[in-house]
């Protein structure tokens, strides 16, 4: 069973080494007919896919203006759900599972200040 993309489908997210891990999610979003948009808000920008109800769905990247925090990964029903990489203003990084905009489940947190990691 293979994946058939619509003619003219173009990748918008998984385009370089940093974002290639999101390729399966982007292919799924395209297959499901989700709409790609870039939306600017007062506090940041979201580039990613939206469902028919206008909610973030599939994969996307949110970058906040004030501190540069960046969230890359899976969204469902407008919230971070699934695997997400969070890059915080402090330089710390969390890569793992999220549910309803909260870290939940298995993941790895790495502190920039000392390079230590916690996985669990």
N, C-alpha and C. Protein backbone atom coordinates (compact mmCIF):
# COMPACT_ATOMS: atom_id res chain seq x y z
N UNK A 1 0.85 -1.17 0.00
CA UNK A 1 0.00 0.00 0.00
C UNK A 1 0.89 1.23 0.00
N UNK A 2 0.75 2.08 -0.97
CA UNK A 2 1.59 3.26 -1.08
C UNK A 2 0.81 4.53 -0.89
N UNK A 3 1.52 5.61 -0.86
CA UNK A 3 0.92 6.93 -0.70
C UNK A 3 0.88 7.62 -2.05
N UNK A 4 -0.28 8.06 -2.46
CA UNK A 4 -0.43 8.78 -3.72
C UNK A 4 -0.73 10.24 -3.41
N UNK A 5 0.13 11.12 -3.85
CA UNK A 5 -0.07 12.54 -3.62
C UNK A 5 -0.85 13.16 -4.76
N UNK A 6 -1.56 14.21 -4.44
CA UNK A 6 -2.28 14.95 -5.47
C UNK A 6 -1.28 15.55 -6.45
N UNK A 7 -1.63 15.63 -7.74
CA UNK A 7 -0.73 16.27 -8.69
C UNK A 7 -0.43 17.70 -8.25
N UNK A 8 0.83 18.09 -8.32
CA UNK A 8 1.23 19.43 -7.95
C UNK A 8 1.47 19.63 -6.46
N UNK A 9 1.32 18.56 -5.64
CA UNK A 9 1.56 18.68 -4.20
C UNK A 9 3.01 19.05 -3.95
N UNK A 10 3.22 20.01 -3.08
CA UNK A 10 4.57 20.50 -2.78
C UNK A 10 4.79 20.48 -1.28
N UNK A 11 5.94 19.98 -0.86
CA UNK A 11 6.27 19.99 0.56
C UNK A 11 6.51 21.43 1.01
N UNK A 12 5.98 21.79 2.17
CA UNK A 12 6.13 23.14 2.72
C UNK A 12 6.90 23.14 4.03
N UNK A 13 6.92 22.03 4.74
CA UNK A 13 7.53 21.96 6.07
C UNK A 13 8.83 21.16 6.04
N UNK A 14 8.77 19.92 5.57
CA UNK A 14 9.92 19.01 5.61
C UNK A 14 10.84 19.28 4.42
N UNK A 15 11.55 20.40 4.49
CA UNK A 15 12.32 20.85 3.34
C UNK A 15 13.82 20.90 3.58
N UNK A 16 14.28 20.64 4.81
CA UNK A 16 15.72 20.67 5.08
C UNK A 16 16.05 19.67 6.18
N UNK A 17 17.32 19.56 6.52
CA UNK A 17 17.74 18.58 7.52
C UNK A 17 17.07 18.79 8.88
N UNK A 18 16.80 20.04 9.24
CA UNK A 18 16.21 20.35 10.55
C UNK A 18 14.75 19.91 10.64
N UNK A 19 14.05 19.92 9.53
CA UNK A 19 12.61 19.62 9.56
C UNK A 19 12.25 18.30 8.88
N UNK A 20 13.21 17.59 8.33
CA UNK A 20 12.91 16.37 7.58
C UNK A 20 12.23 15.31 8.43
N UNK A 21 12.43 15.34 9.75
CA UNK A 21 11.79 14.35 10.63
C UNK A 21 10.26 14.47 10.58
N UNK A 22 9.74 15.60 10.11
CA UNK A 22 8.30 15.79 10.04
C UNK A 22 7.71 15.34 8.70
N UNK A 23 8.52 14.75 7.83
CA UNK A 23 8.05 14.32 6.51
C UNK A 23 6.83 13.40 6.57
N UNK A 24 6.81 12.34 7.38
CA UNK A 24 5.62 11.49 7.40
C UNK A 24 4.35 12.27 7.75
N UNK A 25 4.45 13.18 8.71
CA UNK A 25 3.29 13.99 9.10
C UNK A 25 2.84 14.92 8.00
N UNK A 26 3.81 15.46 7.27
CA UNK A 26 3.44 16.35 6.17
C UNK A 26 2.80 15.57 5.02
N UNK A 27 3.34 14.42 4.71
CA UNK A 27 2.74 13.60 3.66
C UNK A 27 1.31 13.21 4.03
N UNK A 28 1.10 12.89 5.30
CA UNK A 28 -0.25 12.55 5.76
C UNK A 28 -1.18 13.77 5.63
N UNK A 29 -0.70 14.95 6.00
CA UNK A 29 -1.52 16.17 5.90
C UNK A 29 -1.93 16.43 4.45
N UNK A 30 -0.99 16.26 3.54
CA UNK A 30 -1.29 16.46 2.12
C UNK A 30 -2.31 15.43 1.64
N UNK A 31 -2.09 14.16 2.04
CA UNK A 31 -3.00 13.09 1.64
C UNK A 31 -4.42 13.36 2.15
N UNK A 32 -4.54 13.92 3.34
CA UNK A 32 -5.84 14.20 3.95
C UNK A 32 -6.49 15.47 3.40
N UNK A 33 -5.77 16.19 2.56
CA UNK A 33 -6.33 17.40 1.97
C UNK A 33 -6.34 18.59 2.91
N UNK A 34 -5.46 18.57 3.94
CA UNK A 34 -5.39 19.70 4.85
C UNK A 34 -4.76 20.89 4.13
N UNK A 35 -5.14 22.08 4.55
CA UNK A 35 -4.68 23.30 3.88
C UNK A 35 -3.45 23.87 4.58
N UNK A 36 -2.42 24.19 3.79
CA UNK A 36 -1.22 24.82 4.33
C UNK A 36 -1.40 26.33 4.33
N UNK A 37 -1.07 26.96 5.45
CA UNK A 37 -1.12 28.41 5.55
C UNK A 37 -0.03 28.90 6.49
N UNK A 38 0.31 30.15 6.32
CA UNK A 38 1.16 30.83 7.30
C UNK A 38 0.30 31.93 7.91
N UNK A 39 0.16 31.88 9.23
CA UNK A 39 -0.65 32.89 9.91
C UNK A 39 0.22 33.64 10.90
N UNK A 40 0.13 34.96 10.84
CA UNK A 40 0.87 35.81 11.76
C UNK A 40 -0.09 36.32 12.83
N UNK A 41 0.37 36.27 14.06
CA UNK A 41 -0.40 36.73 15.20
C UNK A 41 0.39 37.84 15.88
N UNK A 42 -0.21 38.49 16.85
CA UNK A 42 0.50 39.54 17.59
C UNK A 42 1.76 38.99 18.26
N UNK A 43 1.70 37.75 18.73
CA UNK A 43 2.82 37.20 19.48
C UNK A 43 3.68 36.20 18.71
N UNK A 44 3.40 35.97 17.42
CA UNK A 44 4.23 35.03 16.68
C UNK A 44 3.64 34.62 15.35
N UNK A 45 4.19 33.54 14.81
CA UNK A 45 3.80 33.04 13.50
C UNK A 45 3.64 31.52 13.55
N UNK A 46 2.64 31.03 12.84
CA UNK A 46 2.46 29.60 12.67
C UNK A 46 2.49 29.30 11.18
N UNK A 47 3.34 28.35 10.80
CA UNK A 47 3.39 27.85 9.42
C UNK A 47 3.04 26.37 9.49
N UNK A 48 1.93 26.01 8.87
CA UNK A 48 1.56 24.61 8.92
C UNK A 48 0.19 24.36 8.34
N UNK A 49 -0.34 23.22 8.69
CA UNK A 49 -1.59 22.74 8.11
C UNK A 49 -2.77 23.00 9.03
N UNK A 50 -3.93 23.19 8.39
CA UNK A 50 -5.18 23.47 9.09
C UNK A 50 -6.26 22.53 8.58
N UNK A 51 -7.18 22.15 9.48
CA UNK A 51 -8.31 21.33 9.05
C UNK A 51 -9.42 22.23 8.52
N UNK A 52 -10.52 21.61 8.10
CA UNK A 52 -11.62 22.36 7.49
C UNK A 52 -12.29 23.32 8.47
N UNK A 53 -12.10 23.10 9.79
CA UNK A 53 -12.66 23.98 10.80
C UNK A 53 -11.73 25.14 11.16
N UNK A 54 -10.58 25.20 10.46
CA UNK A 54 -9.64 26.29 10.70
C UNK A 54 -8.72 26.05 11.89
N UNK A 55 -8.66 24.81 12.39
CA UNK A 55 -7.78 24.48 13.51
C UNK A 55 -6.46 23.93 12.99
N UNK A 56 -5.38 24.17 13.73
CA UNK A 56 -4.09 23.59 13.39
C UNK A 56 -4.23 22.07 13.42
N UNK A 57 -3.77 21.42 12.36
CA UNK A 57 -3.94 19.96 12.24
C UNK A 57 -2.82 19.44 11.35
N UNK A 58 -2.22 18.33 11.74
CA UNK A 58 -1.10 17.81 10.95
C UNK A 58 0.20 18.29 11.55
N UNK A 59 1.10 18.79 10.72
CA UNK A 59 2.38 19.29 11.22
C UNK A 59 2.48 20.79 11.00
N UNK A 60 3.29 21.42 11.85
CA UNK A 60 3.49 22.85 11.71
C UNK A 60 4.59 23.34 12.63
N UNK A 61 4.92 24.62 12.47
CA UNK A 61 5.96 25.26 13.26
C UNK A 61 5.41 26.57 13.80
N UNK A 62 5.50 26.74 15.12
CA UNK A 62 5.10 27.99 15.76
C UNK A 62 6.35 28.66 16.31
N UNK A 63 6.53 29.94 15.99
CA UNK A 63 7.65 30.72 16.53
C UNK A 63 7.08 31.96 17.19
N UNK A 64 7.45 32.16 18.46
CA UNK A 64 6.97 33.32 19.20
C UNK A 64 7.94 34.49 19.06
N UNK A 65 7.40 35.67 18.81
CA UNK A 65 8.21 36.87 18.55
C UNK A 65 9.07 37.29 19.73
N UNK A 66 8.45 37.38 20.89
CA UNK A 66 9.10 38.00 22.04
C UNK A 66 10.37 37.29 22.47
N UNK A 67 10.33 35.98 22.55
CA UNK A 67 11.48 35.25 23.07
C UNK A 67 12.08 34.25 22.09
N UNK A 68 11.46 34.09 20.93
CA UNK A 68 11.99 33.18 19.92
C UNK A 68 11.72 31.72 20.18
N UNK A 69 10.88 31.41 21.18
CA UNK A 69 10.56 30.00 21.41
C UNK A 69 9.95 29.41 20.15
N UNK A 70 10.29 28.15 19.90
CA UNK A 70 9.87 27.49 18.66
C UNK A 70 9.35 26.10 18.98
N UNK A 71 8.19 25.79 18.42
CA UNK A 71 7.56 24.48 18.57
C UNK A 71 7.35 23.89 17.18
N UNK A 72 7.96 22.74 16.91
CA UNK A 72 7.85 22.08 15.61
C UNK A 72 7.27 20.69 15.84
N UNK A 73 6.22 20.36 15.10
CA UNK A 73 5.70 19.02 15.25
C UNK A 73 4.25 18.86 14.90
N UNK A 74 3.60 17.95 15.62
CA UNK A 74 2.25 17.51 15.29
C UNK A 74 1.20 18.30 16.07
N UNK A 75 0.13 18.62 15.35
CA UNK A 75 -1.01 19.33 15.94
C UNK A 75 -2.28 18.57 15.64
N UNK A 76 -3.19 18.56 16.61
CA UNK A 76 -4.52 17.98 16.42
C UNK A 76 -5.52 18.89 17.11
N UNK A 77 -6.60 19.18 16.43
CA UNK A 77 -7.66 20.03 16.99
C UNK A 77 -7.13 21.34 17.54
N UNK A 78 -6.12 21.92 16.87
CA UNK A 78 -5.61 23.23 17.24
C UNK A 78 -4.56 23.25 18.33
N UNK A 79 -4.18 22.08 18.86
CA UNK A 79 -3.21 22.04 19.96
C UNK A 79 -2.06 21.11 19.61
N UNK A 80 -0.94 21.30 20.31
CA UNK A 80 0.20 20.39 20.14
C UNK A 80 -0.21 19.03 20.69
N UNK A 81 -0.21 18.04 19.82
CA UNK A 81 -0.57 16.67 20.16
C UNK A 81 0.28 15.75 19.31
N UNK A 82 0.99 14.84 19.95
CA UNK A 82 1.87 13.94 19.20
C UNK A 82 3.32 14.28 19.52
N UNK A 83 4.20 14.09 18.56
CA UNK A 83 5.62 14.36 18.76
C UNK A 83 5.90 15.82 18.41
N UNK A 84 6.54 16.52 19.35
CA UNK A 84 6.86 17.93 19.17
C UNK A 84 8.27 18.19 19.69
N UNK A 85 8.99 19.03 18.98
CA UNK A 85 10.30 19.51 19.44
C UNK A 85 10.10 20.95 19.90
N UNK A 86 10.38 21.22 21.17
CA UNK A 86 10.25 22.56 21.73
C UNK A 86 11.64 23.13 21.99
N UNK A 87 11.90 24.30 21.43
CA UNK A 87 13.17 24.99 21.64
C UNK A 87 12.85 26.26 22.42
N UNK A 88 13.23 26.26 23.71
CA UNK A 88 12.86 27.34 24.61
C UNK A 88 13.84 28.51 24.53
N UNK A 89 13.40 29.67 25.00
CA UNK A 89 14.22 30.88 24.98
C UNK A 89 15.54 30.69 25.74
N UNK A 90 15.52 29.85 26.74
CA UNK A 90 16.72 29.58 27.55
C UNK A 90 17.77 28.79 26.78
N UNK A 91 17.36 28.19 25.64
CA UNK A 91 18.25 27.31 24.89
C UNK A 91 18.01 25.84 25.21
N UNK A 92 17.19 25.57 26.22
CA UNK A 92 16.84 24.19 26.55
C UNK A 92 15.97 23.63 25.42
N UNK A 93 16.01 22.30 25.27
CA UNK A 93 15.23 21.63 24.22
C UNK A 93 14.49 20.44 24.82
N UNK A 94 13.24 20.32 24.48
CA UNK A 94 12.46 19.13 24.82
C UNK A 94 11.95 18.51 23.52
N UNK A 95 12.18 17.24 23.36
CA UNK A 95 11.73 16.50 22.19
C UNK A 95 10.96 15.30 22.70
N UNK A 96 9.66 15.28 22.45
CA UNK A 96 8.89 14.15 22.95
C UNK A 96 7.41 14.30 22.71
N UNK A 97 6.65 13.58 23.48
CA UNK A 97 5.21 13.49 23.30
C UNK A 97 4.49 14.64 24.02
N UNK A 98 3.42 15.11 23.37
CA UNK A 98 2.57 16.17 23.91
C UNK A 98 1.13 15.73 23.81
N UNK A 99 0.31 16.27 24.71
CA UNK A 99 -1.13 16.07 24.63
C UNK A 99 -1.80 17.37 25.06
N UNK A 100 -2.65 17.89 24.19
CA UNK A 100 -3.41 19.12 24.47
C UNK A 100 -2.51 20.25 24.96
N UNK A 101 -1.42 20.50 24.24
CA UNK A 101 -0.48 21.60 24.51
C UNK A 101 0.40 21.41 25.74
N UNK A 102 0.40 20.21 26.33
CA UNK A 102 1.24 19.94 27.49
C UNK A 102 2.16 18.76 27.21
N UNK A 103 3.39 18.84 27.74
CA UNK A 103 4.29 17.69 27.62
C UNK A 103 3.68 16.53 28.40
N UNK A 104 3.54 15.41 27.73
CA UNK A 104 2.97 14.25 28.38
C UNK A 104 3.48 12.99 27.70
N UNK A 105 3.98 12.07 28.50
CA UNK A 105 4.49 10.83 27.94
C UNK A 105 6.01 10.86 27.85
N UNK A 106 6.54 10.08 26.95
CA UNK A 106 7.98 9.88 26.82
C UNK A 106 8.62 11.06 26.09
N UNK A 107 9.78 11.47 26.58
CA UNK A 107 10.51 12.54 25.91
C UNK A 107 11.88 12.74 26.51
N UNK A 108 12.64 13.62 25.90
CA UNK A 108 13.97 13.97 26.37
C UNK A 108 14.07 15.48 26.55
N UNK A 109 14.52 15.89 27.72
CA UNK A 109 14.74 17.31 28.02
C UNK A 109 16.23 17.51 28.16
N UNK A 110 16.78 18.51 27.44
CA UNK A 110 18.20 18.81 27.53
C UNK A 110 18.38 20.27 27.94
N UNK A 111 19.17 20.45 29.02
CA UNK A 111 19.46 21.79 29.51
C UNK A 111 20.68 22.35 28.79
N UNK A 112 20.56 23.56 28.28
CA UNK A 112 21.67 24.19 27.60
C UNK A 112 22.79 24.55 28.58
N UNK A 113 22.41 25.00 29.77
CA UNK A 113 23.37 25.50 30.76
C UNK A 113 24.44 24.47 31.14
N UNK A 114 24.07 23.20 31.21
CA UNK A 114 25.05 22.19 31.62
C UNK A 114 25.12 21.00 30.68
N UNK A 115 24.28 20.98 29.63
CA UNK A 115 24.30 19.90 28.66
C UNK A 115 23.67 18.60 29.14
N UNK A 116 23.17 18.58 30.38
CA UNK A 116 22.57 17.35 30.92
C UNK A 116 21.25 17.06 30.22
N UNK A 117 20.94 15.75 30.20
CA UNK A 117 19.69 15.30 29.56
C UNK A 117 18.93 14.43 30.55
N UNK A 118 17.62 14.53 30.46
CA UNK A 118 16.73 13.62 31.18
C UNK A 118 15.82 12.98 30.14
N UNK A 119 15.75 11.66 30.14
CA UNK A 119 14.87 10.94 29.23
C UNK A 119 13.94 10.06 30.05
N UNK A 120 12.69 10.14 29.73
CA UNK A 120 11.73 9.30 30.46
C UNK A 120 10.31 9.68 30.14
